[in-house]
């Protein structure tokens, strides 16, 4: 019985632990050419749309948020930036998938652009 209780306790502890650190990546939001634009629902929340888009690509998401890096002026074309960076916090193991979708690693206030060697 002791072994069963210990086993259940260990199982509970490990099942409750999660990767609280994760990694953070960012992408520049555009006027209307974002890959997640098709994922907007009636609530029109970009966080939900980005999360659904990432999950549809096999990426587990901890957090989605945006920060303004510029107030413009901006052009009105769909490909023009809006002045916001969209940040995601994900499992480290999903980094390559996110980079393939256009996200760039973000670390201590710096975008980390990988060398293309």
Protein backbone atom coordinates (compact mmCIF):
# COMPACT_ATOMS: atom_id res chain seq x y z
CA UNK A 1 0.00 0.00 0.00
CA UNK A 2 2.87 2.37 0.82
CA UNK A 3 4.34 1.82 -2.63
CA UNK A 4 1.03 2.65 -4.28
CA UNK A 5 0.68 5.87 -2.27
CA UNK A 6 4.27 6.89 -3.05
CA UNK A 7 3.79 6.08 -6.72
CA UNK A 8 0.56 8.09 -6.88
CA UNK A 9 2.21 10.99 -5.07
CA UNK A 10 5.14 11.02 -7.50
CA UNK A 11 2.79 10.77 -10.44
CA UNK A 12 0.77 13.71 -9.11
CA UNK A 13 3.88 15.83 -8.54
CA UNK A 14 5.26 15.22 -12.02
CA UNK A 15 1.90 15.68 -13.72
CA UNK A 16 1.46 19.07 -12.03
CA UNK A 17 4.86 20.35 -13.01
CA UNK A 18 4.99 22.40 -16.15
CA UNK A 19 7.68 24.21 -18.07
CA UNK A 20 7.13 27.60 -16.43
CA UNK A 21 10.12 29.09 -18.18
CA UNK A 22 9.43 28.21 -21.77
CA UNK A 23 10.83 30.51 -24.43
CA UNK A 24 9.55 33.71 -25.90
CA UNK A 25 9.36 34.52 -29.59
CA UNK A 26 7.97 37.51 -31.47
CA UNK A 27 6.69 38.49 -34.88
CA UNK A 28 5.77 41.88 -36.35
CA UNK A 29 2.03 42.28 -36.87
CA UNK A 30 0.93 43.50 -40.31
CA UNK A 31 -2.20 45.36 -41.38
CA UNK A 32 -4.02 42.34 -42.78
CA UNK A 33 -1.49 39.71 -43.92
CA UNK A 34 -1.03 37.83 -40.64
CA UNK A 35 -1.08 34.05 -40.80
CA UNK A 36 -3.61 33.96 -37.93
CA UNK A 37 -6.13 36.33 -39.55
CA UNK A 38 -8.32 33.37 -40.59
CA UNK A 39 -8.56 32.27 -36.93
CA UNK A 40 -10.43 35.32 -35.59
CA UNK A 41 -13.80 34.52 -34.02
CA UNK A 42 -16.72 36.70 -33.01
CA UNK A 43 -14.79 38.08 -30.01
CA UNK A 44 -12.16 39.50 -32.40
CA UNK A 45 -9.33 38.93 -29.89
CA UNK A 46 -5.90 38.62 -31.52
CA UNK A 47 -4.67 36.48 -28.61
CA UNK A 48 -7.30 33.82 -29.29
CA UNK A 49 -6.59 33.94 -33.03
CA UNK A 50 -2.82 33.57 -32.57
CA UNK A 51 -3.27 30.76 -30.05
CA UNK A 52 -5.64 28.84 -32.35
CA UNK A 53 -3.25 29.34 -35.27
CA UNK A 54 -0.27 28.03 -33.29
CA UNK A 55 -2.20 25.09 -31.87
CA UNK A 56 -3.34 24.15 -35.39
CA UNK A 57 0.37 23.94 -36.21
CA UNK A 58 1.13 21.65 -33.26
CA UNK A 59 2.51 24.32 -30.91
CA UNK A 60 1.40 24.46 -27.26
CA UNK A 61 1.04 28.05 -26.08
CA UNK A 62 1.54 29.42 -22.56
CA UNK A 63 0.87 33.07 -23.34
CA UNK A 64 0.20 35.52 -26.18
CA UNK A 65 0.52 39.30 -25.83
CA UNK A 66 1.46 42.37 -27.87
CA UNK A 67 3.67 45.40 -27.31
CA UNK A 68 3.84 48.57 -29.37
CA UNK A 69 7.30 49.37 -30.72
CA UNK A 70 6.33 52.33 -32.91
CA UNK A 71 3.48 54.81 -33.32
CA UNK A 72 4.05 55.23 -37.05
CA UNK A 73 3.23 56.68 -39.44
CA UNK A 74 2.46 53.45 -41.29
CA UNK A 75 1.31 52.74 -44.81
CA UNK A 76 -2.17 51.30 -45.31
CA UNK A 77 -1.17 48.25 -47.36
CA UNK A 78 -1.88 44.82 -45.90
CA UNK A 79 1.82 44.01 -45.78
CA UNK A 80 2.76 47.12 -43.77
CA UNK A 81 3.58 46.73 -40.07
CA UNK A 82 1.14 48.03 -37.47
CA UNK A 83 3.83 48.99 -34.96
CA UNK A 84 3.06 46.04 -32.69
CA UNK A 85 5.11 42.94 -31.95
CA UNK A 86 3.11 39.81 -31.16
CA UNK A 87 4.86 37.76 -28.47
CA UNK A 88 4.32 34.09 -27.72
CA UNK A 89 5.61 32.00 -24.83
CA UNK A 90 5.86 28.33 -25.78
CA UNK A 91 7.64 25.08 -24.92
CA UNK A 92 11.29 25.20 -25.92
CA UNK A 93 10.78 22.04 -27.96
CA UNK A 94 8.38 23.95 -30.26
CA UNK A 95 10.91 26.66 -31.16
CA UNK A 96 11.76 25.29 -34.62
CA UNK A 97 8.08 24.97 -35.54
CA UNK A 98 7.43 28.57 -34.47
CA UNK A 99 10.46 29.84 -36.37
CA UNK A 100 9.20 28.06 -39.49
CA UNK A 101 6.01 30.13 -39.09
CA UNK A 102 8.02 33.37 -39.01
CA UNK A 103 8.47 33.95 -35.27
CA UNK A 104 11.91 35.01 -33.99
CA UNK A 105 13.47 34.16 -30.64
CA UNK A 106 13.21 37.02 -28.13
CA UNK A 107 15.57 37.14 -25.15
CA UNK A 108 15.98 39.89 -22.55
CA UNK A 109 14.59 42.60 -24.79
CA UNK A 110 16.48 41.51 -27.90
CA UNK A 111 15.30 39.70 -30.98
CA UNK A 112 17.73 36.87 -31.68
CA UNK A 113 18.05 36.39 -35.42
CA UNK A 114 19.67 33.02 -36.22
CA UNK A 115 22.54 32.85 -38.69
CA UNK A 116 21.55 31.27 -41.99
CA UNK A 117 24.71 29.26 -42.56
